[in-house]
PDB file of N, CA and C in Angstrom:
ATOM      1  N   MET A   1      21.135  40.012 -12.564  1.00  0.00           N
ATOM      2  CA  MET A   1      20.309  39.331 -13.541  1.00  0.00           C
ATOM      3  C   MET A   1      18.914  39.191 -12.949  1.00  0.00           C
ATOM      4  N   LYS A   2      17.919  39.511 -13.737  1.00  0.00           N
ATOM      5  CA  LYS A   2      16.538  39.470 -13.294  1.00  0.00           C
ATOM      6  C   LYS A   2      15.806  38.387 -14.071  1.00  0.00           C
ATOM      7  N   ILE A   3      15.100  37.518 -13.328  1.00  0.00           N
ATOM      8  CA  ILE A   3      14.312  36.461 -13.957  1.00  0.00           C
ATOM      9  C   ILE A   3      12.856  36.817 -13.778  1.00  0.00           C
ATOM     10  N   ASP A   4      12.125  36.905 -14.872  1.00  0.00           N
ATOM     11  CA  ASP A   4      10.721  37.282 -14.795  1.00  0.00           C
ATOM     12  C   ASP A   4       9.899  36.318 -15.646  1.00  0.00           C
ATOM     13  N   ASN A   5       9.303  35.354 -14.981  1.00  0.00           N
ATOM     14  CA  ASN A   5       8.433  34.428 -15.691  1.00  0.00           C
ATOM     15  C   ASN A   5       7.038  34.411 -15.061  1.00  0.00           C
ATOM     16  N   SER A   6       6.693  35.480 -14.366  1.00  0.00           N
ATOM     17  CA  SER A   6       5.413  35.512 -13.661  1.00  0.00           C
ATOM     18  C   SER A   6       4.232  35.422 -14.615  1.00  0.00           C
ATOM     19  N   GLY A   7       4.355  35.934 -15.816  1.00  0.00           N
ATOM     20  CA  GLY A   7       3.269  35.845 -16.783  1.00  0.00           C
ATOM     21  C   GLY A   7       3.012  34.410 -17.194  1.00  0.00           C
ATOM     22  N   LYS A   8       4.050  33.608 -17.299  1.00  0.00           N
ATOM     23  CA  LYS A   8       3.886  32.213 -17.697  1.00  0.00           C
ATOM     24  C   LYS A   8       3.225  31.396 -16.586  1.00  0.00           C
ATOM     25  N   VAL A   9       3.597  31.656 -15.348  1.00  0.00           N
ATOM     26  CA  VAL A   9       3.037  30.917 -14.224  1.00  0.00           C
ATOM     27  C   VAL A   9       1.561  31.257 -14.050  1.00  0.00           C
ATOM     28  N   ALA A  10       1.222  32.510 -14.108  1.00  0.00           N
ATOM     29  CA  ALA A  10      -0.161  32.930 -13.927  1.00  0.00           C
ATOM     30  C   ALA A  10      -1.045  32.395 -15.045  1.00  0.00           C
ATOM     31  N   ALA A  11      -0.526  32.299 -16.230  1.00  0.00           N
ATOM     32  CA  ALA A  11      -1.321  31.814 -17.352  1.00  0.00           C
ATOM     33  C   ALA A  11      -1.608  30.326 -17.235  1.00  0.00           C
ATOM     34  N   SER A  12      -0.760  29.580 -16.524  1.00  0.00           N
ATOM     35  CA  SER A  12      -0.962  28.137 -16.420  1.00  0.00           C
ATOM     36  C   SER A  12      -2.060  27.759 -15.427  1.00  0.00           C
ATOM     37  N   TYR A  13      -2.419  28.684 -14.562  1.00  0.00           N
ATOM     38  CA  TYR A  13      -3.491  28.429 -13.592  1.00  0.00           C
ATOM     39  C   TYR A  13      -4.783  29.065 -14.080  1.00  0.00           C
ATOM     40  N   ALA A  14      -5.852  28.297 -14.051  1.00  0.00           N
ATOM     41  CA  ALA A  14      -7.151  28.818 -14.466  1.00  0.00           C
ATOM     42  C   ALA A  14      -8.002  29.068 -13.234  1.00  0.00           C
ATOM     43  N   ALA A  15      -8.846  30.062 -13.302  1.00  0.00           N
ATOM     44  CA  ALA A  15      -9.751  30.356 -12.185  1.00  0.00           C
ATOM     45  C   ALA A  15     -10.779  29.239 -12.082  1.00  0.00           C
ATOM     46  N   PRO A  16     -11.154  28.841 -10.858  1.00  0.00           N
ATOM     47  CA  PRO A  16     -12.153  27.782 -10.714  1.00  0.00           C
ATOM     48  C   PRO A  16     -13.497  28.241 -11.272  1.00  0.00           C
ATOM     49  N   SER A  17     -14.173  27.336 -11.935  1.00  0.00           N
ATOM     50  CA  SER A  17     -15.471  27.691 -12.499  1.00  0.00           C
ATOM     51  C   SER A  17     -16.508  27.684 -11.392  1.00  0.00           C
ATOM     52  N   ARG A  18     -17.403  28.617 -11.450  1.00  0.00           N
ATOM     53  CA  ARG A  18     -18.458  28.723 -10.447  1.00  0.00           C
ATOM     54  C   ARG A  18     -19.763  28.291 -11.078  1.00  0.00           C
ATOM     55  N   THR A  19     -20.456  27.404 -10.366  1.00  0.00           N
ATOM     56  CA  THR A  19     -21.756  26.960 -10.855  1.00  0.00           C
ATOM     57  C   THR A  19     -22.818  27.424  -9.893  1.00  0.00           C
ATOM     58  N   SER A  20     -23.985  27.574 -10.381  1.00  0.00           N
ATOM     59  CA  SER A  20     -25.076  27.996  -9.506  1.00  0.00           C
ATOM     60  C   SER A  20     -25.478  26.822  -8.621  1.00  0.00           C
ATOM     61  N   PRO A  21     -26.119  27.070  -7.462  1.00  0.00           N
ATOM     62  CA  PRO A  21     -26.534  25.974  -6.577  1.00  0.00           C
ATOM     63  C   PRO A  21     -27.450  24.981  -7.267  1.00  0.00           C
ATOM     64  N   LYS A  22     -28.306  25.474  -8.188  1.00  0.00           N
ATOM     65  CA  LYS A  22     -29.215  24.563  -8.876  1.00  0.00           C
ATOM     66  C   LYS A  22     -28.431  23.569  -9.725  1.00  0.00           C
ATOM     67  N   GLU A  23     -27.379  24.056 -10.396  1.00  0.00           N
ATOM     68  CA  GLU A  23     -26.582  23.174 -11.248  1.00  0.00           C
ATOM     69  C   GLU A  23     -25.836  22.143 -10.413  1.00  0.00           C
ATOM     70  N   SER A  24     -25.271  22.560  -9.263  1.00  0.00           N
ATOM     71  CA  SER A  24     -24.521  21.611  -8.441  1.00  0.00           C
ATOM     72  C   SER A  24     -25.443  20.563  -7.835  1.00  0.00           C
ATOM     73  N   ASP A  25     -26.669  20.965  -7.419  1.00  0.00           N
ATOM     74  CA  ASP A  25     -27.624  20.000  -6.883  1.00  0.00           C
ATOM     75  C   ASP A  25     -28.045  19.014  -7.960  1.00  0.00           C
ATOM     76  N   ALA A  26     -28.267  19.520  -9.155  1.00  0.00           N
ATOM     77  CA  ALA A  26     -28.675  18.644 -10.240  1.00  0.00           C
ATOM     78  C   ALA A  26     -27.574  17.650 -10.573  1.00  0.00           C
ATOM     79  N   SER A  27     -26.330  18.120 -10.573  1.00  0.00           N
ATOM     80  CA  SER A  27     -25.233  17.198 -10.882  1.00  0.00           C
ATOM     81  C   SER A  27     -25.061  16.169  -9.772  1.00  0.00           C
ATOM     82  N   ALA A  28     -25.301  16.560  -8.522  1.00  0.00           N
ATOM     83  CA  ALA A  28     -25.194  15.606  -7.421  1.00  0.00           C
ATOM     84  C   ALA A  28     -26.284  14.552  -7.517  1.00  0.00           C
ATOM     85  N   LYS A  29     -27.510  14.989  -7.867  1.00  0.00           N
ATOM     86  CA  LYS A  29     -28.599  14.028  -8.018  1.00  0.00           C
ATOM     87  C   LYS A  29     -28.337  13.089  -9.177  1.00  0.00           C
ATOM     88  N   ALA A  30     -27.814  13.641 -10.278  1.00  0.00           N
ATOM     89  CA  ALA A  30     -27.512  12.802 -11.439  1.00  0.00           C
ATOM     90  C   ALA A  30     -26.425  11.799 -11.083  1.00  0.00           C
ATOM     91  N   PHE A  31     -25.455  12.227 -10.293  1.00  0.00           N
ATOM     92  CA  PHE A  31     -24.381  11.329  -9.897  1.00  0.00           C
ATOM     93  C   PHE A  31     -24.921  10.192  -9.044  1.00  0.00           C
ATOM     94  N   SER A  32     -25.832  10.500  -8.120  1.00  0.00           N
ATOM     95  CA  SER A  32     -26.343   9.435  -7.263  1.00  0.00           C
ATOM     96  C   SER A  32     -27.204   8.465  -8.057  1.00  0.00           C
ATOM     97  N   ARG A  33     -27.931   8.955  -9.066  1.00  0.00           N
ATOM     98  CA  ARG A  33     -28.720   8.045  -9.900  1.00  0.00           C
ATOM     99  C   ARG A  33     -27.813   7.181 -10.751  1.00  0.00           C
ATOM    100  N   ALA A  34     -26.757   7.771 -11.271  1.00  0.00           N
ATOM    101  CA  ALA A  34     -25.835   7.012 -12.106  1.00  0.00           C
ATOM    102  C   ALA A  34     -25.059   6.007 -11.271  1.00  0.00           C
ATOM    103  N   ASP A  35     -24.975   6.243  -9.995  1.00  0.00           N
ATOM    104  CA  ASP A  35     -24.205   5.386  -9.095  1.00  0.00           C
ATOM    105  C   ASP A  35     -25.005   4.164  -8.653  1.00  0.00           C
ATOM    106  N   GLY A  36     -26.169   3.935  -9.179  1.00  0.00           N
ATOM    107  CA  GLY A  36     -26.938   2.757  -8.814  1.00  0.00           C
ATOM    108  C   GLY A  36     -28.117   3.087  -7.924  1.00  0.00           C
ATOM    109  N   GLY A  37     -28.399   4.362  -7.689  1.00  0.00           N
ATOM    110  CA  GLY A  37     -29.548   4.745  -6.892  1.00  0.00           C
ATOM    111  C   GLY A  37     -29.428   4.382  -5.430  1.00  0.00           C
ATOM    112  N   GLU A  38     -28.237   4.374  -4.886  1.00  0.00           N
ATOM    113  CA  GLU A  38     -28.064   4.049  -3.474  1.00  0.00           C
ATOM    114  C   GLU A  38     -28.622   5.158  -2.610  1.00  0.00           C
ATOM    115  N   SER A  39     -29.085   4.790  -1.435  1.00  0.00           N
ATOM    116  CA  SER A  39     -29.597   5.786  -0.506  1.00  0.00           C
ATOM    117  C   SER A  39     -28.954   5.571   0.859  1.00  0.00           C
ATOM    118  N   VAL A  40     -29.020   6.593   1.673  1.00  0.00           N
ATOM    119  CA  VAL A  40     -28.439   6.552   3.005  1.00  0.00           C
ATOM    120  C   VAL A  40     -29.566   6.632   4.019  1.00  0.00           C
ATOM    121  N   ALA A  41     -29.542   5.767   5.010  1.00  0.00           N
ATOM    122  CA  ALA A  41     -30.522   5.794   6.087  1.00  0.00           C
ATOM    123  C   ALA A  41     -29.787   5.910   7.413  1.00  0.00           C
ATOM    124  N   ILE A  42     -30.236   6.797   8.245  1.00  0.00           N
ATOM    125  CA  ILE A  42     -29.633   6.998   9.556  1.00  0.00           C
ATOM    126  C   ILE A  42     -30.288   6.038  10.541  1.00  0.00           C
ATOM    127  N   ASN A  43     -29.471   5.324  11.259  1.00  0.00           N
ATOM    128  CA  ASN A  43     -29.930   4.380  12.264  1.00  0.00           C
ATOM    129  C   ASN A  43     -30.581   5.152  13.415  1.00  0.00           C
ATOM    130  N   PRO A  44     -31.740   4.735  13.897  1.00  0.00           N
ATOM    131  CA  PRO A  44     -32.366   5.441  15.024  1.00  0.00           C
ATOM    132  C   PRO A  44     -31.477   5.461  16.260  1.00  0.00           C
ATOM    133  N   PHE A  45     -30.634   4.451  16.400  1.00  0.00           N
ATOM    134  CA  PHE A  45     -29.714   4.417  17.534  1.00  0.00           C
ATOM    135  C   PHE A  45     -28.752   5.593  17.473  1.00  0.00           C
ATOM    136  N   ALA A  46     -28.348   6.002  16.268  1.00  0.00           N
ATOM    137  CA  ALA A  46     -27.413   7.122  16.120  1.00  0.00           C
ATOM    138  C   ALA A  46     -28.033   8.415  16.628  1.00  0.00           C
ATOM    139  N   SER A  47     -29.308   8.640  16.340  1.00  0.00           N
ATOM    140  CA  SER A  47     -29.943   9.862  16.826  1.00  0.00           C
ATOM    141  C   SER A  47     -30.119   9.822  18.347  1.00  0.00           C
ATOM    142  N   ARG A  48     -30.411   8.647  18.894  1.00  0.00           N
ATOM    143  CA  ARG A  48     -30.496   8.522  20.357  1.00  0.00           C
ATOM    144  C   ARG A  48     -29.141   8.775  20.993  1.00  0.00           C
ATOM    145  N   LEU A  49     -28.087   8.252  20.362  1.00  0.00           N
ATOM    146  CA  LEU A  49     -26.734   8.441  20.873  1.00  0.00           C
ATOM    147  C   LEU A  49     -26.351   9.915  20.839  1.00  0.00           C
ATOM    148  N   GLN A  50     -26.724  10.611  19.776  1.00  0.00           N
ATOM    149  CA  GLN A  50     -26.437  12.031  19.685  1.00  0.00           C
ATOM    150  C   GLN A  50     -27.154  12.789  20.802  1.00  0.00           C
ATOM    151  N   GLY A  51     -28.407  12.425  21.097  1.00  0.00           N
ATOM    152  CA  GLY A  51     -29.140  13.063  22.177  1.00  0.00           C
ATOM    153  C   GLY A  51     -28.483  12.824  23.529  1.00  0.00           C
ATOM    154  N   MET A  52     -27.994  11.606  23.733  1.00  0.00           N
ATOM    155  CA  MET A  52     -27.309  11.293  24.993  1.00  0.00           C
ATOM    156  C   MET A  52     -26.003  12.067  25.107  1.00  0.00           C
ATOM    157  N   GLU A  53     -25.279  12.231  23.994  1.00  0.00           N
ATOM    158  CA  GLU A  53     -24.037  13.004  24.018  1.00  0.00           C
ATOM    159  C   GLU A  53     -24.305  14.455  24.379  1.00  0.00           C
ATOM    160  N   GLN A  54     -25.376  15.022  23.821  1.00  0.00           N
ATOM    161  CA  GLN A  54     -25.719  16.406  24.127  1.00  0.00           C
ATOM    162  C   GLN A  54     -26.122  16.552  25.590  1.00  0.00           C
ATOM    163  N   ALA A  55     -26.851  15.574  26.133  1.00  0.00           N
ATOM    164  CA  ALA A  55     -27.244  15.623  27.540  1.00  0.00           C
ATOM    165  C   ALA A  55     -26.019  15.502  28.443  1.00  0.00           C
ATOM    166  N   ALA A  56     -25.088  14.649  28.067  1.00  0.00           N
ATOM    167  CA  ALA A  56     -23.873  14.483  28.866  1.00  0.00           C
ATOM    168  C   ALA A  56     -23.019  15.742  28.828  1.00  0.00           C
ATOM    169  N   ALA A  57     -22.984  16.407  27.680  1.00  0.00           N
ATOM    170  CA  ALA A  57     -22.201  17.638  27.573  1.00  0.00           C
ATOM    171  C   ALA A  57     -22.811  18.751  28.426  1.00  0.00           C
ATOM    172  N   ALA A  58     -24.134  18.738  28.565  1.00  0.00           N
ATOM    173  CA  ALA A  58     -24.804  19.772  29.352  1.00  0.00           C
ATOM    174  C   ALA A  58     -24.689  19.514  30.849  1.00  0.00           C
ATOM    175  N   ALA A  59     -24.526  18.256  31.246  1.00  0.00           N
ATOM    176  CA  ALA A  59     -24.438  17.906  32.666  1.00  0.00           C
ATOM    177  C   ALA A  59     -23.052  18.266  33.206  1.00  0.00           C
ATOM    178  N   PRO A  60     -22.973  18.618  34.487  1.00  0.00           N
ATOM    179  CA  PRO A  60     -21.652  18.915  35.058  1.00  0.00           C
ATOM    180  C   PRO A  60     -20.784  17.657  35.105  1.00  0.00           C
ATOM    181  N   ALA A  61     -19.471  17.863  35.058  1.00  0.00           N
ATOM    182  CA  ALA A  61     -18.534  16.750  35.021  1.00  0.00           C
ATOM    183  C   ALA A  61     -18.492  15.980  36.348  1.00  0.00           C
ATOM    184  N   PHE A  62     -18.825  16.647  37.449  1.00  0.00           N
ATOM    185  CA  PHE A  62     -18.826  15.987  38.753  1.00  0.00           C
ATOM    186  C   PHE A  62     -19.846  16.660  39.649  1.00  0.00           C
ATOM    187  N   ASP A  63     -20.173  15.996  40.741  1.00  0.00           N
ATOM    188  CA  ASP A  63     -21.145  16.529  41.701  1.00  0.00           C
ATOM    189  C   ASP A  63     -20.382  17.361  42.730  1.00  0.00           C
ATOM    190  N   ALA A  64     -20.466  18.675  42.577  1.00  0.00           N
ATOM    191  CA  ALA A  64     -19.714  19.582  43.442  1.00  0.00           C
ATOM    192  C   ALA A  64     -20.138  19.461  44.906  1.00  0.00           C
ATOM    193  N   ASP A  65     -21.427  19.206  45.158  1.00  0.00           N
ATOM    194  CA  ASP A  65     -21.898  19.064  46.541  1.00  0.00           C
ATOM    195  C   ASP A  65     -21.295  17.831  47.205  1.00  0.00           C
ATOM    196  N   LYS A  66     -21.215  16.732  46.444  1.00  0.00           N
ATOM    197  CA  LYS A  66     -20.637  15.509  47.001  1.00  0.00           C
ATOM    198  C   LYS A  66     -19.153  15.696  47.290  1.00  0.00           C
ATOM    199  N   VAL A  67     -18.452  16.374  46.385  1.00  0.00           N
ATOM    200  CA  VAL A  67     -17.026  16.638  46.610  1.00  0.00           C
ATOM    201  C   VAL A  67     -16.832  17.500  47.854  1.00  0.00           C
ATOM    202  N   ALA A  68     -17.687  18.503  48.021  1.00  0.00           N
ATOM    203  CA  ALA A  68     -17.577  19.378  49.195  1.00  0.00           C
ATOM    204  C   ALA A  68     -17.842  18.608  50.481  1.00  0.00           C
ATOM    205  N   SER A  69     -18.829  17.687  50.456  1.00  0.00           N
ATOM    206  CA  SER A  69     -19.124  16.921  51.678  1.00  0.00           C
ATOM    207  C   SER A  69     -17.987  15.956  52.002  1.00  0.00           C
ATOM    208  N   ILE A  70     -17.389  15.348  50.991  1.00  0.00           N
ATOM    209  CA  ILE A  70     -16.240  14.448  51.247  1.00  0.00           C
ATOM    210  C   ILE A  70     -15.051  15.247  51.776  1.00  0.00           C
ATOM    211  N   LYS A  71     -14.826  16.423  51.203  1.00  0.00           N
ATOM    212  CA  LYS A  71     -13.725  17.271  51.653  1.00  0.00           C
ATOM    213  C   LYS A  71     -13.915  17.677  53.115  1.00  0.00           C
ATOM    214  N   ALA A  72     -15.146  18.010  53.467  1.00  0.00           N
ATOM    215  CA  ALA A  72     -15.436  18.395  54.857  1.00  0.00           C
ATOM    216  C   ALA A  72     -15.258  17.207  55.794  1.00  0.00           C
ATOM    217  N   ALA A  73     -15.673  15.997  55.347  1.00  0.00           N
ATOM    218  CA  ALA A  73     -15.522  14.803  56.187  1.00  0.00           C
ATOM    219  C   ALA A  73     -14.050  14.467  56.388  1.00  0.00           C
ATOM    220  N   ILE A  74     -13.229  14.636  55.355  1.00  0.00           N
ATOM    221  CA  ILE A  74     -11.786  14.376  55.488  1.00  0.00           C
ATOM    222  C   ILE A  74     -11.171  15.387  56.445  1.00  0.00           C
ATOM    223  N   ALA A  75     -11.549  16.666  56.304  1.00  0.00           N
ATOM    224  CA  ALA A  75     -11.005  17.704  57.184  1.00  0.00           C
ATOM    225  C   ALA A  75     -11.393  17.466  58.639  1.00  0.00           C
ATOM    226  N   ALA A  76     -12.590  16.923  58.862  1.00  0.00           N
ATOM    227  CA  ALA A  76     -13.056  16.670  60.227  1.00  0.00           C
ATOM    228  C   ALA A  76     -12.558  15.334  60.761  1.00  0.00           C
ATOM    229  N   GLY A  77     -11.912  14.528  59.892  1.00  0.00           N
ATOM    230  CA  GLY A  77     -11.420  13.221  60.329  1.00  0.00           C
ATOM    231  C   GLY A  77     -12.513  12.183  60.432  1.00  0.00           C
ATOM    232  N   GLU A  78     -13.626  12.403  59.776  1.00  0.00           N
ATOM    233  CA  GLU A  78     -14.761  11.493  59.855  1.00  0.00           C
ATOM    234  C   GLU A  78     -14.942  10.631  58.609  1.00  0.00           C
ATOM    235  N   PHE A  79     -14.106  10.808  57.623  1.00  0.00           N
ATOM    236  CA  PHE A  79     -14.274  10.071  56.370  1.00  0.00           C
ATOM    237  C   PHE A  79     -13.795   8.635  56.557  1.00  0.00           C
ATOM    238  N   LYS A  80     -14.647   7.692  56.250  1.00  0.00           N
ATOM    239  CA  LYS A  80     -14.326   6.278  56.392  1.00  0.00           C
ATOM    240  C   LYS A  80     -14.094   5.665  55.014  1.00  0.00           C
ATOM    241  N   ILE A  81     -13.040   4.893  54.902  1.00  0.00           N
ATOM    242  CA  ILE A  81     -12.736   4.200  53.648  1.00  0.00           C
ATOM    243  C   ILE A  81     -13.159   2.750  53.811  1.00  0.00           C
ATOM    244  N   ASN A  82     -13.872   2.227  52.820  1.00  0.00           N
ATOM    245  CA  ASN A  82     -14.324   0.848  52.833  1.00  0.00           C
ATOM    246  C   ASN A  82     -13.462   0.056  51.850  1.00  0.00           C
ATOM    247  N   PRO A  83     -12.382  -0.571  52.323  1.00  0.00           N
ATOM    248  CA  PRO A  83     -11.487  -1.285  51.408  1.00  0.00           C
ATOM    249  C   PRO A  83     -12.167  -2.467  50.718  1.00  0.00           C
ATOM    250  N   GLY A  84     -13.148  -3.074  51.335  1.00  0.00           N
ATOM    251  CA  GLY A  84     -13.862  -4.192  50.712  1.00  0.00           C
ATOM    252  C   GLY A  84     -14.641  -3.742  49.482  1.00  0.00           C
ATOM    253  N   ALA A  85     -15.298  -2.599  49.581  1.00  0.00           N
ATOM    254  CA  ALA A  85     -16.056  -2.070  48.443  1.00  0.00           C
ATOM    255  C   ALA A  85     -15.121  -1.668  47.307  1.00  0.00           C
ATOM    256  N   ILE A  86     -13.967  -1.106  47.665  1.00  0.00           N
ATOM    257  CA  ILE A  86     -12.986  -0.732  46.638  1.00  0.00           C
ATOM    258  C   ILE A  86     -12.466  -1.973  45.932  1.00  0.00           C
ATOM    259  N   ALA A  87     -12.125  -3.020  46.711  1.00  0.00           N
ATOM    260  CA  ALA A  87     -11.623  -4.265  46.122  1.00  0.00           C
ATOM    261  C   ALA A  87     -12.679  -4.917  45.238  1.00  0.00           C
ATOM    262  N   ASP A  88     -13.928  -4.943  45.687  1.00  0.00           N
ATOM    263  CA  ASP A  88     -15.000  -5.539  44.880  1.00  0.00           C
ATOM    264  C   ASP A  88     -15.173  -4.789  43.559  1.00  0.00           C
ATOM    265  N   SER A  89     -15.101  -3.475  43.600  1.00  0.00           N
ATOM    266  CA  SER A  89     -15.242  -2.673  42.379  1.00  0.00           C
ATOM    267  C   SER A  89     -14.078  -2.913  41.425  1.00  0.00           C
ATOM    268  N   LEU A  90     -12.867  -3.024  41.964  1.00  0.00           N
ATOM    269  CA  LEU A  90     -11.696  -3.305  41.120  1.00  0.00           C
ATOM    270  C   LEU A  90     -11.796  -4.677  40.466  1.00  0.00           C
ATOM    271  N   ILE A  91     -12.231  -5.661  41.216  1.00  0.00           N
ATOM    272  CA  ILE A  91     -12.381  -7.015  40.661  1.00  0.00           C
ATOM    273  C   ILE A  91     -13.459  -7.030  39.585  1.00  0.00           C
ATOM    274  N   ALA A  92     -14.584  -6.377  39.833  1.00  0.00           N
ATOM    275  CA  ALA A  92     -15.667  -6.333  38.830  1.00  0.00           C
ATOM    276  C   ALA A  92     -15.204  -5.624  37.566  1.00  0.00           C
ATOM    277  N   SER A  93     -14.444  -4.564  37.729  1.00  0.00           N
ATOM    278  CA  SER A  93     -13.934  -3.829  36.581  1.00  0.00           C
ATOM    279  C   SER A  93     -12.959  -4.687  35.773  1.00  0.00           C
ATOM    280  N   ALA A  94     -12.074  -5.409  36.461  1.00  0.00           N
ATOM    281  CA  ALA A  94     -11.119  -6.283  35.770  1.00  0.00           C
ATOM    282  C   ALA A  94     -11.839  -7.414  35.041  1.00  0.00           C
ATOM    283  N   GLN A  95     -12.865  -7.988  35.671  1.00  0.00           N
ATOM    284  CA  GLN A  95     -13.630  -9.051  35.016  1.00  0.00           C
ATOM    285  C   GLN A  95     -14.343  -8.540  33.784  1.00  0.00           C
ATOM    286  N   GLU A  96     -14.870  -7.338  33.864  1.00  0.00           N
ATOM    287  CA  GLU A  96     -15.557  -6.745  32.706  1.00  0.00           C
ATOM    288  C   GLU A  96     -14.577  -6.523  31.552  1.00  0.00           C
ATOM    289  N   LEU A  97     -13.385  -6.042  31.877  1.00  0.00           N
ATOM    290  CA  LEU A  97     -12.372  -5.820  30.832  1.00  0.00           C
ATOM    291  C   LEU A  97     -11.911  -7.126  30.203  1.00  0.00           C
ATOM    292  N   LEU A  98     -11.772  -8.156  31.018  1.00  0.00           N
ATOM    293  CA  LEU A  98     -11.329  -9.449  30.488  1.00  0.00           C
ATOM    294  C   LEU A  98     -12.403 -10.142  29.658  1.00  0.00           C
ATOM    295  N   ALA A  99     -13.670  -9.836  29.929  1.00  0.00           N
ATOM    296  CA  ALA A  99     -14.770 -10.463  29.198  1.00  0.00           C
ATOM    297  C   ALA A  99     -14.928  -9.885  27.792  1.00  0.00           C
ATOM    298  N   ARG A 100     -14.358  -8.736  27.528  1.00  0.00           N
ATOM    299  CA  ARG A 100     -14.501  -8.094  26.205  1.00  0.00           C
ATOM    300  C   ARG A 100     -13.740  -8.793  25.164  1.00  0.00           C
TER     301      ARG A 100
END
């Protein structure tokens, strides 16, 4: 038994209508006017933040020279650990988190 209803399915779907860019822009402008004339303003802080993000993306993730010097100091047995500085940094970090 063969079921063939492909003509019915295809007929139920219509092709999307295409409008020219001028018509779509005009309808968008009309919509914004009908919507109460609201406007959008970009905060200057947002553009500064975007610039900082781009600068951070361009900068290397770590200082390769510093890593190499620490690696050499560890290999030579000359690397000194300052537990007081580590403890102070941990305490400051915890205080900052608790203050939020």
